[in-house]
Amino acid sequence: MPVLVGTSGWQYRDWRGGLYPPATPQRLWLEEYARAFATVENNNAFYRLPTAEMFRSWAERTPDGFVMAVKASRYLTHMKQLNDPEEPVRRLLDRVAGLGERLGPVLLQLPARFRENVEALDACLRCFPSDFDVAVELRHPSWWEAERALRSVLERHGSALCWADRGSRPVTPLWRTASWGYVRFHAGLAQPPPRYGRQALASWARRLADAWPEEALVYAYFNNDTGGAAIEDAPHFARAVAALGRSASRTPGTGPGTDTGTRQPRRR
């Protein structure tokens, strides 16, 4: 299985003239993106959950083997803060079903001020089908103080603790809680900001290689979209992964040879 490398979203105007030819209309940017990358993390769903028809349209516009991870609606994570999760999760699942085989994991990103509440997280994860993949990005440091309880809940549900980087260093514990992995790159320290340096990316490639066997599926998304940093850093990271003898999905400039054409599998 490869490390699937992509970006957090694709609808960025400052990517015009970089990833997107200047004459390409915005309505065709997803097709252009999917020619260069094999996966994307859909960030728009966080702000406003699209309809099932919209998800279905995105599936139809992308090639076989393309994988779309979906960031859960802020209504569930930030407004309700995981309280009464049954209806929001059901609505989310109904909508993302439109992706069909293109559907990857769902990301639950909790607010930075959301203090540890393992019981609420457990109740939310129970609302997802047992074979559904959920990654959880936690940001308040109180979560790490509940290591035993938190790891137990994530492991029981087969949910991946999202490994996050900010400032070219990990800002989460590097705990492996599932048979698959999920990593997000928010901002590096290289110039021009928020770019990542080659050494930082090589260090992350080594962390993934040390933690995950070749057969494990790991998602890696660059959220440093400003100024086209993400579309520059993602290929460098894919090359750093390949330099360790590991498979990486296609990225701009790496060519089709690094793409395995992997279908979206279930990891459990």
C-alpha atoms as a PDB file:
ATOM      1  CA  MET A   1       0.000   0.000   0.000  1.00  0.00           C
ATOM      2  CA  PRO A   2       1.284   3.506  -0.707  1.00  0.00           C
ATOM      3  CA  VAL A   3       1.459   6.609   1.377  1.00  0.00           C
ATOM      4  CA  LEU A   4      -1.348   8.661  -0.175  1.00  0.00           C
ATOM      5  CA  VAL A   5      -0.094  12.239  -0.475  1.00  0.00           C
ATOM      6  CA  GLY A   6      -2.385  15.184  -1.206  1.00  0.00           C
ATOM      7  CA  THR A   7      -3.543  18.571  -0.030  1.00  0.00           C
ATOM      8  CA  SER A   8      -6.300  19.866   2.229  1.00  0.00           C
ATOM      9  CA  GLY A   9      -8.654  21.207  -0.408  1.00  0.00           C
ATOM     10  CA  TRP A  10      -8.195  22.167  -4.041  1.00  0.00           C
ATOM     11  CA  GLN A  11     -10.155  25.411  -4.557  1.00  0.00           C
ATOM     12  CA  TYR A  12      -7.437  27.991  -3.980  1.00  0.00           C
ATOM     13  CA  ARG A  13      -7.182  30.970  -6.301  1.00  0.00           C
ATOM     14  CA  ASP A  14      -3.465  31.461  -5.724  1.00  0.00           C
ATOM     15  CA  TRP A  15      -2.830  28.028  -7.242  1.00  0.00           C
ATOM     16  CA  ARG A  16      -3.831  29.453 -10.619  1.00  0.00           C
ATOM     17  CA  GLY A  17      -0.716  29.655 -12.724  1.00  0.00           C
ATOM     18  CA  GLY A  18       0.874  26.919 -10.612  1.00  0.00           C
ATOM     19  CA  LEU A  19      -1.090  23.709 -10.426  1.00  0.00           C
ATOM     20  CA  TYR A  20      -3.866  25.166 -12.586  1.00  0.00           C
ATOM     21  CA  PRO A  21      -3.113  26.643 -16.005  1.00  0.00           C
ATOM     22  CA  PRO A  22      -4.236  30.299 -16.108  1.00  0.00           C
ATOM     23  CA  ALA A  23      -6.875  29.596 -18.746  1.00  0.00           C
ATOM     24  CA  THR A  24      -8.493  26.678 -16.860  1.00  0.00           C
ATOM     25  CA  PRO A  25     -11.893  27.728 -15.406  1.00  0.00           C
ATOM     26  CA  GLN A  26     -12.420  27.132 -11.698  1.00  0.00           C
ATOM     27  CA  ARG A  27     -15.210  24.623 -12.420  1.00  0.00           C
ATOM     28  CA  LEU A  28     -12.556  22.291 -13.893  1.00  0.00           C
ATOM     29  CA  TRP A  29      -9.987  22.613 -11.126  1.00  0.00           C
ATOM     30  CA  LEU A  30     -10.941  19.299  -9.503  1.00  0.00           C
ATOM     31  CA  GLU A  31     -10.289  17.431 -12.754  1.00  0.00           C
ATOM     32  CA  GLU A  32      -6.951  19.209 -13.072  1.00  0.00           C
ATOM     33  CA  TYR A  33      -6.103  18.423  -9.453  1.00  0.00           C
ATOM     34  CA  ALA A  34      -6.996  14.735  -9.863  1.00  0.00           C
ATOM     35  CA  ARG A  35      -4.642  14.422 -12.812  1.00  0.00           C
ATOM     36  CA  ALA A  36      -1.786  15.482 -10.559  1.00  0.00           C
ATOM     37  CA  PHE A  37      -2.794  13.908  -7.224  1.00  0.00           C
ATOM     38  CA  ALA A  38      -4.458  10.623  -6.257  1.00  0.00           C
ATOM     39  CA  THR A  39      -6.120  11.955  -3.100  1.00  0.00           C
ATOM     40  CA  VAL A  40      -7.513  15.105  -1.512  1.00  0.00           C
ATOM     41  CA  GLU A  41      -8.867  16.067   1.878  1.00  0.00           C
ATOM     42  CA  ASN A  42     -12.192  17.877   1.422  1.00  0.00           C
ATOM     43  CA  ASN A  43     -12.039  20.845   3.791  1.00  0.00           C
ATOM     44  CA  ASN A  44     -15.131  22.578   2.418  1.00  0.00           C
ATOM     45  CA  ALA A  45     -17.352  20.050   4.172  1.00  0.00           C
ATOM     46  CA  PHE A  46     -16.187  21.472   7.511  1.00  0.00           C
ATOM     47  CA  TYR A  47     -17.746  24.865   6.799  1.00  0.00           C
ATOM     48  CA  ARG A  48     -20.872  23.702   5.012  1.00  0.00           C
ATOM     49  CA  LEU A  49     -21.741  20.048   4.510  1.00  0.00           C
ATOM     50  CA  PRO A  50     -22.373  19.466   0.796  1.00  0.00           C
ATOM     51  CA  THR A  51     -25.324  17.509  -0.522  1.00  0.00           C
ATOM     52  CA  ALA A  52     -25.070  13.859  -1.495  1.00  0.00           C
ATOM     53  CA  GLU A  53     -25.523  15.010  -5.093  1.00  0.00           C
ATOM     54  CA  MET A  54     -22.464  17.240  -4.831  1.00  0.00           C
ATOM     55  CA  PHE A  55     -20.380  14.399  -3.412  1.00  0.00           C
ATOM     56  CA  ARG A  56     -21.661  12.194  -6.235  1.00  0.00           C
ATOM     57  CA  SER A  57     -20.641  14.834  -8.767  1.00  0.00           C
ATOM     58  CA  TRP A  58     -17.127  14.960  -7.347  1.00  0.00           C
ATOM     59  CA  ALA A  59     -16.906  11.173  -7.609  1.00  0.00           C
ATOM     60  CA  GLU A  60     -17.962  11.285 -11.255  1.00  0.00           C
ATOM     61  CA  ARG A  61     -15.368  13.944 -12.055  1.00  0.00           C
ATOM     62  CA  THR A  62     -12.403  12.021 -10.644  1.00  0.00           C
ATOM     63  CA  PRO A  63     -10.646   8.908 -11.994  1.00  0.00           C
ATOM     64  CA  ASP A  64     -10.810   5.361 -10.681  1.00  0.00           C
ATOM     65  CA  GLY A  65      -8.625   4.946  -7.623  1.00  0.00           C
ATOM     66  CA  PHE A  66      -8.949   8.578  -6.528  1.00  0.00           C
ATOM     67  CA  VAL A  67      -9.614   8.929  -2.780  1.00  0.00           C
ATOM     68  CA  MET A  68     -11.365  11.835  -1.064  1.00  0.00           C
ATOM     69  CA  ALA A  69     -11.075  12.161   2.713  1.00  0.00           C
ATOM     70  CA  VAL A  70     -13.746  14.384   4.274  1.00  0.00           C
ATOM     71  CA  LYS A  71     -13.372  16.773   7.199  1.00  0.00           C
ATOM     72  CA  ALA A  72     -16.497  16.465   9.338  1.00  0.00           C
ATOM     73  CA  SER A  73     -18.832  19.433   9.655  1.00  0.00           C
ATOM     74  CA  ARG A  74     -18.019  21.993  12.337  1.00  0.00           C
ATOM     75  CA  TYR A  75     -21.636  21.651  13.448  1.00  0.00           C
ATOM     76  CA  LEU A  76     -20.677  18.311  15.005  1.00  0.00           C
ATOM     77  CA  THR A  77     -17.188  19.140  16.239  1.00  0.00           C
ATOM     78  CA  HIS A  78     -17.218  22.857  17.060  1.00  0.00           C
ATOM     79  CA  MET A  79     -20.822  23.883  17.625  1.00  0.00           C
ATOM     80  CA  LYS A  80     -22.230  20.800  19.324  1.00  0.00           C
ATOM     81  CA  GLN A  81     -18.776  19.749  20.573  1.00  0.00           C
ATOM     82  CA  LEU A  82     -19.729  16.084  20.094  1.00  0.00           C
ATOM     83  CA  ASN A  83     -22.924  16.389  22.169  1.00  0.00           C
ATOM     84  CA  ASP A  84     -25.879  14.366  20.826  1.00  0.00           C
ATOM     85  CA  PRO A  85     -23.807  13.105  17.882  1.00  0.00           C
ATOM     86  CA  GLU A  86     -26.299  10.616  16.419  1.00  0.00           C
ATOM     87  CA  GLU A  87     -28.127  12.938  14.009  1.00  0.00           C
ATOM     88  CA  PRO A  88     -25.074  14.904  12.775  1.00  0.00           C
ATOM     89  CA  VAL A  89     -23.128  11.701  12.166  1.00  0.00           C
ATOM     90  CA  ARG A  90     -26.066  10.088  10.373  1.00  0.00           C
ATOM     91  CA  ARG A  91     -26.439  13.158   8.155  1.00  0.00           C
ATOM     92  CA  LEU A  92     -22.709  13.160   7.422  1.00  0.00           C
ATOM     93  CA  LEU A  93     -22.761   9.484   6.457  1.00  0.00           C
ATOM     94  CA  ASP A  94     -25.803   9.973   4.234  1.00  0.00           C
ATOM     95  CA  ARG A  95     -24.073  12.791   2.375  1.00  0.00           C
ATOM     96  CA  VAL A  96     -20.594  11.275   1.925  1.00  0.00           C
ATOM     97  CA  ALA A  97     -22.140   8.042   0.638  1.00  0.00           C
ATOM     98  CA  GLY A  98     -22.394   9.908  -2.656  1.00  0.00           C
ATOM     99  CA  LEU A  99     -18.645   9.422  -3.092  1.00  0.00           C
ATOM    100  CA  GLY A 100     -19.049   5.657  -3.367  1.00  0.00           C
ATOM    101  CA  GLU A 101     -15.659   3.963  -3.852  1.00  0.00           C
ATOM    102  CA  ARG A 102     -13.907   7.352  -3.819  1.00  0.00           C
ATOM    103  CA  LEU A 103     -14.685   7.782  -0.100  1.00  0.00           C
ATOM    104  CA  GLY A 104     -11.691   7.781   2.221  1.00  0.00           C
ATOM    105  CA  PRO A 105     -11.625   8.458   5.972  1.00  0.00           C
ATOM    106  CA  VAL A 106     -13.601  11.103   7.804  1.00  0.00           C
ATOM    107  CA  LEU A 107     -11.542  13.524   9.878  1.00  0.00           C
ATOM    108  CA  LEU A 108     -12.889  14.769  13.206  1.00  0.00           C
ATOM    109  CA  GLN A 109     -10.906  17.889  14.106  1.00  0.00           C
ATOM    110  CA  LEU A 110     -11.824  19.122  17.574  1.00  0.00           C
ATOM    111  CA  PRO A 111     -11.483  22.778  18.598  1.00  0.00           C
ATOM    112  CA  ALA A 112      -8.224  23.925  20.132  1.00  0.00           C
ATOM    113  CA  ARG A 113     -10.093  24.863  23.336  1.00  0.00           C
ATOM    114  CA  PHE A 114     -11.955  21.543  23.571  1.00  0.00           C
ATOM    115  CA  ARG A 115     -10.551  19.923  26.700  1.00  0.00           C
ATOM    116  CA  GLU A 116     -10.268  16.173  27.165  1.00  0.00           C
ATOM    117  CA  ASN A 117     -13.600  14.357  27.153  1.00  0.00           C
ATOM    118  CA  VAL A 118     -12.890  10.757  26.237  1.00  0.00           C
ATOM    119  CA  GLU A 119     -16.465   9.712  27.035  1.00  0.00           C
ATOM    120  CA  ALA A 120     -17.913  12.177  24.496  1.00  0.00           C
ATOM    121  CA  LEU A 121     -15.412  11.067  21.864  1.00  0.00           C
ATOM    122  CA  ASP A 122     -16.285   7.429  22.519  1.00  0.00           C
ATOM    123  CA  ALA A 123     -20.002   8.157  22.166  1.00  0.00           C
ATOM    124  CA  CYS A 124     -19.400   9.941  18.871  1.00  0.00           C
ATOM    125  CA  LEU A 125     -17.232   7.182  17.411  1.00  0.00           C
ATOM    126  CA  ARG A 126     -19.883   4.618  18.343  1.00  0.00           C
ATOM    127  CA  CYS A 127     -22.225   6.361  15.889  1.00  0.00           C
ATOM    128  CA  PHE A 128     -20.039   5.347  12.949  1.00  0.00           C
ATOM    129  CA  PRO A 129     -20.301   1.849  11.413  1.00  0.00           C
ATOM    130  CA  SER A 130     -17.639  -0.511  12.719  1.00  0.00           C
ATOM    131  CA  ASP A 131     -15.968  -0.750   9.290  1.00  0.00           C
ATOM    132  CA  PHE A 132     -15.831   3.027   8.756  1.00  0.00           C
ATOM    133  CA  ASP A 133     -12.495   4.816   9.073  1.00  0.00           C
ATOM    134  CA  VAL A 134     -12.349   7.909  11.278  1.00  0.00           C
ATOM    135  CA  ALA A 135      -9.244   9.954  12.061  1.00  0.00           C
ATOM    136  CA  VAL A 136      -9.303  12.213  15.112  1.00  0.00           C
ATOM    137  CA  GLU A 137      -7.276  15.429  15.362  1.00  0.00           C
ATOM    138  CA  LEU A 138      -7.035  16.602  18.981  1.00  0.00           C
ATOM    139  CA  ARG A 139      -5.442  19.929  19.847  1.00  0.00           C
ATOM    140  CA  HIS A 140      -5.876  20.700  23.566  1.00  0.00           C
ATOM    141  CA  PRO A 141      -2.949  19.285  25.611  1.00  0.00           C
ATOM    142  CA  SER A 142      -5.296  17.863  28.264  1.00  0.00           C
ATOM    143  CA  TRP A 143      -6.052  14.959  25.901  1.00  0.00           C
ATOM    144  CA  TRP A 144      -2.508  13.642  26.196  1.00  0.00           C
ATOM    145  CA  GLU A 145      -2.836  13.438  29.985  1.00  0.00           C
ATOM    146  CA  ALA A 146      -5.574  10.821  29.489  1.00  0.00           C
ATOM    147  CA  GLU A 147      -3.301   8.609  27.389  1.00  0.00           C
ATOM    148  CA  ARG A 148      -4.501   5.207  28.585  1.00  0.00           C
ATOM    149  CA  ALA A 149      -8.223   5.968  28.257  1.00  0.00           C
ATOM    150  CA  LEU A 150      -7.823   7.854  24.980  1.00  0.00           C
ATOM    151  CA  ARG A 151      -5.714   5.195  23.311  1.00  0.00           C
ATOM    152  CA  SER A 152      -8.096   2.502  24.476  1.00  0.00           C
ATOM    153  CA  VAL A 153     -11.079   4.271  22.872  1.00  0.00           C
ATOM    154  CA  LEU A 154      -9.296   4.968  19.594  1.00  0.00           C
ATOM    155  CA  GLU A 155      -7.941   1.442  19.359  1.00  0.00           C
ATOM    156  CA  ARG A 156     -11.319  -0.113  20.146  1.00  0.00           C
ATOM    157  CA  HIS A 157     -12.935   1.819  17.292  1.00  0.00           C
ATOM    158  CA  GLY A 158     -10.008   1.348  14.904  1.00  0.00           C
ATOM    159  CA  SER A 159      -9.695   5.140  14.702  1.00  0.00           C
ATOM    160  CA  ALA A 160      -6.395   6.785  13.850  1.00  0.00           C
ATOM    161  CA  LEU A 161      -5.001   9.539  16.033  1.00  0.00           C
ATOM    162  CA  CYS A 162      -4.176  12.244  13.495  1.00  0.00           C
ATOM    163  CA  TRP A 163      -0.494  13.106  13.663  1.00  0.00           C
ATOM    164  CA  ALA A 164      -0.182  16.862  13.143  1.00  0.00           C
ATOM    165  CA  ASP A 165       2.758  19.133  12.355  1.00  0.00           C
ATOM    166  CA  ARG A 166       2.985  22.852  12.949  1.00  0.00           C
ATOM    167  CA  GLY A 167       6.225  24.758  12.764  1.00  0.00           C
ATOM    168  CA  SER A 168       8.024  21.748  11.221  1.00  0.00           C
ATOM    169  CA  ARG A 169       7.600  19.641  14.331  1.00  0.00           C
ATOM    170  CA  PRO A 170       5.002  17.220  15.710  1.00  0.00           C
ATOM    171  CA  VAL A 171       2.365  18.873  17.890  1.00  0.00           C
ATOM    172  CA  THR A 172       0.653  15.592  18.776  1.00  0.00           C
ATOM    173  CA  PRO A 173       1.983  12.401  20.312  1.00  0.00           C
ATOM    174  CA  LEU A 174       3.041   9.886  17.670  1.00  0.00           C
ATOM    175  CA  TRP A 175       0.760   7.138  18.928  1.00  0.00           C
ATOM    176  CA  ARG A 176      -0.289   4.446  16.506  1.00  0.00           C
ATOM    177  CA  THR A 177      -3.902   3.593  17.383  1.00  0.00           C
ATOM    178  CA  ALA A 178      -5.105   1.845  14.201  1.00  0.00           C
ATOM    179  CA  SER A 179      -3.793  -0.298  11.369  1.00  0.00           C
ATOM    180  CA  TRP A 180      -3.738   2.813   9.155  1.00  0.00           C
ATOM    181  CA  GLY A 181      -2.462   6.334   9.627  1.00  0.00           C
ATOM    182  CA  TYR A 182      -3.352   9.975   9.012  1.00  0.00           C
ATOM    183  CA  VAL A 183      -0.968  12.954   9.024  1.00  0.00           C
ATOM    184  CA  ARG A 184      -1.650  16.684   8.515  1.00  0.00           C
ATOM    185  CA  PHE A 185       0.964  19.342   7.759  1.00  0.00           C
ATOM    186  CA  HIS A 186      -0.254  22.795   8.811  1.00  0.00           C
ATOM    187  CA  ALA A 187       2.754  25.105   8.418  1.00  0.00           C
ATOM    188  CA  GLY A 188       6.497  24.739   8.028  1.00  0.00           C
ATOM    189  CA  LEU A 189       9.369  27.034   8.930  1.00  0.00           C
ATOM    190  CA  ALA A 190      11.050  27.277   5.528  1.00  0.00           C
ATOM    191  CA  GLN A 191      10.976  30.317   3.263  1.00  0.00           C
ATOM    192  CA  PRO A 192       8.734  31.559   1.875  1.00  0.00           C
ATOM    193  CA  PRO A 193       6.278  30.673   4.671  1.00  0.00           C
ATOM    194  CA  PRO A 194       4.434  28.428   5.254  1.00  0.00           C
ATOM    195  CA  ARG A 195       6.746  26.125   3.258  1.00  0.00           C
ATOM    196  CA  TYR A 196       8.467  23.022   4.643  1.00  0.00           C
ATOM    197  CA  GLY A 197      12.192  22.420   4.299  1.00  0.00           C
ATOM    198  CA  ARG A 198      13.582  19.240   2.761  1.00  0.00           C
ATOM    199  CA  GLN A 199      15.062  18.088   6.083  1.00  0.00           C
ATOM    200  CA  ALA A 200      11.715  18.457   7.881  1.00  0.00           C
ATOM    201  CA  LEU A 201       9.950  16.454   5.177  1.00  0.00           C
ATOM    202  CA  ALA A 202      12.639  13.769   5.214  1.00  0.00           C
ATOM    203  CA  SER A 203      12.246  13.479   9.000  1.00  0.00           C
ATOM    204  CA  TRP A 204       8.506  12.983   8.594  1.00  0.00           C
ATOM    205  CA  ALA A 205       9.026  10.373   5.897  1.00  0.00           C
ATOM    206  CA  ARG A 206      11.292   8.487   8.302  1.00  0.00           C
ATOM    207  CA  ARG A 207       8.724   8.710  11.117  1.00  0.00           C
ATOM    208  CA  LEU A 208       6.094   7.162   8.880  1.00  0.00           C
ATOM    209  CA  ALA A 209       8.432   4.453   7.639  1.00  0.00           C
ATOM    210  CA  ASP A 210       9.458   3.573  11.193  1.00  0.00           C
ATOM    211  CA  ALA A 211       5.855   3.436  12.431  1.00  0.00           C
ATOM    212  CA  TRP A 212       4.039   1.761   9.543  1.00  0.00           C
ATOM    213  CA  PRO A 213       4.872  -1.387   7.591  1.00  0.00           C
ATOM    214  CA  GLU A 214       4.820  -1.233   3.800  1.00  0.00           C
ATOM    215  CA  GLU A 215       1.386  -2.861   3.660  1.00  0.00           C
ATOM    216  CA  ALA A 216      -0.218  -0.158   5.856  1.00  0.00           C
ATOM    217  CA  LEU A 217      -2.144   2.673   4.239  1.00  0.00           C
ATOM    218  CA  VAL A 218      -1.206   6.150   5.448  1.00  0.00           C
ATOM    219  CA  TYR A 219      -2.827   9.422   4.366  1.00  0.00           C
ATOM    220  CA  ALA A 220      -0.716  12.593   4.355  1.00  0.00           C
ATOM    221  CA  TYR A 221      -2.290  15.983   3.613  1.00  0.00           C
ATOM    222  CA  PHE A 222      -0.669  19.407   3.325  1.00  0.00           C
ATOM    223  CA  ASN A 223      -2.847  22.162   4.783  1.00  0.00           C
ATOM    224  CA  ASN A 224      -0.343  24.971   4.092  1.00  0.00           C
ATOM    225  CA  ASP A 225      -2.176  26.115   0.977  1.00  0.00           C
ATOM    226  CA  THR A 226      -1.123  29.795   1.060  1.00  0.00           C
ATOM    227  CA  GLY A 227       0.993  30.839  -1.899  1.00  0.00           C
ATOM    228  CA  GLY A 228       0.908  27.341  -3.326  1.00  0.00           C
ATOM    229  CA  ALA A 229       3.141  25.963  -0.561  1.00  0.00           C
ATOM    230  CA  ALA A 230       1.141  22.721  -0.328  1.00  0.00           C
ATOM    231  CA  ILE A 231       1.466  21.870  -4.012  1.00  0.00           C
ATOM    232  CA  GLU A 232       5.231  22.442  -3.780  1.00  0.00           C
ATOM    233  CA  ASP A 233       5.779  20.521  -0.540  1.00  0.00           C
ATOM    234  CA  ALA A 234       3.626  17.470  -1.301  1.00  0.00           C
ATOM    235  CA  PRO A 235       5.850  16.262  -4.197  1.00  0.00           C
ATOM    236  CA  HIS A 236       8.991  16.743  -2.116  1.00  0.00           C
ATOM    237  CA  PHE A 237       7.435  14.663   0.644  1.00  0.00           C
ATOM    238  CA  ALA A 238       6.422  11.938  -1.819  1.00  0.00           C
ATOM    239  CA  ARG A 239      10.007  11.809  -3.074  1.00  0.00           C
ATOM    240  CA  ALA A 240      11.295  11.591   0.512  1.00  0.00           C
ATOM    241  CA  VAL A 241       8.975   8.631   1.088  1.00  0.00           C
ATOM    242  CA  ALA A 242      10.134   6.964  -2.148  1.00  0.00           C
ATOM    243  CA  ALA A 243      13.794   7.531  -1.190  1.00  0.00           C
ATOM    244  CA  LEU A 244      13.193   5.192   1.757  1.00  0.00           C
ATOM    245  CA  GLY A 245      11.991   2.470  -0.588  1.00  0.00           C
ATOM    246  CA  ARG A 246       8.335   3.047   0.178  1.00  0.00           C
ATOM    247  CA  SER A 247       5.460   3.559  -2.257  1.00  0.00           C
ATOM    248  CA  ALA A 248       3.902   6.994  -2.633  1.00  0.00           C
ATOM    249  CA  SER A 249       0.905   8.064  -4.688  1.00  0.00           C
ATOM    250  CA  ARG A 250       1.298  10.363  -7.670  1.00  0.00           C
ATOM    251  CA  THR A 251       2.035  14.043  -7.084  1.00  0.00           C
ATOM    252  CA  PRO A 252       2.949  16.815  -9.535  1.00  0.00           C
ATOM    253  CA  GLY A 253       6.228  16.054 -11.259  1.00  0.00           C
ATOM    254  CA  THR A 254       6.666  12.570  -9.802  1.00  0.00           C
ATOM    255  CA  GLY A 255       5.068  10.904 -12.826  1.00  0.00           C
ATOM    256  CA  PRO A 256       2.629   8.004 -13.009  1.00  0.00           C
ATOM    257  CA  GLY A 257       5.263   5.451 -12.049  1.00  0.00           C
ATOM    258  CA  THR A 258       4.851   6.152  -8.320  1.00  0.00           C
ATOM    259  CA  ASP A 259       1.081   5.719  -8.432  1.00  0.00           C
ATOM    260  CA  THR A 260      -0.166   2.275  -7.505  1.00  0.00           C
ATOM    261  CA  GLY A 261      -3.718   2.854  -8.707  1.00  0.00           C
ATOM    262  CA  THR A 262      -4.925   1.666  -5.311  1.00  0.00           C
ATOM    263  CA  ARG A 263      -8.655   1.294  -4.771  1.00  0.00           C
ATOM    264  CA  GLN A 264     -10.083   2.633  -1.518  1.00  0.00           C
ATOM    265  CA  PRO A 265      -9.886  -0.405   0.817  1.00  0.00           C
ATOM    266  CA  ARG A 266     -11.072  -1.014   4.328  1.00  0.00           C
ATOM    267  CA  ARG A 267      -8.150  -1.335   6.686  1.00  0.00           C
ATOM    268  CA  ARG A 268      -9.858  -3.729   9.090  1.00  0.00           C
END
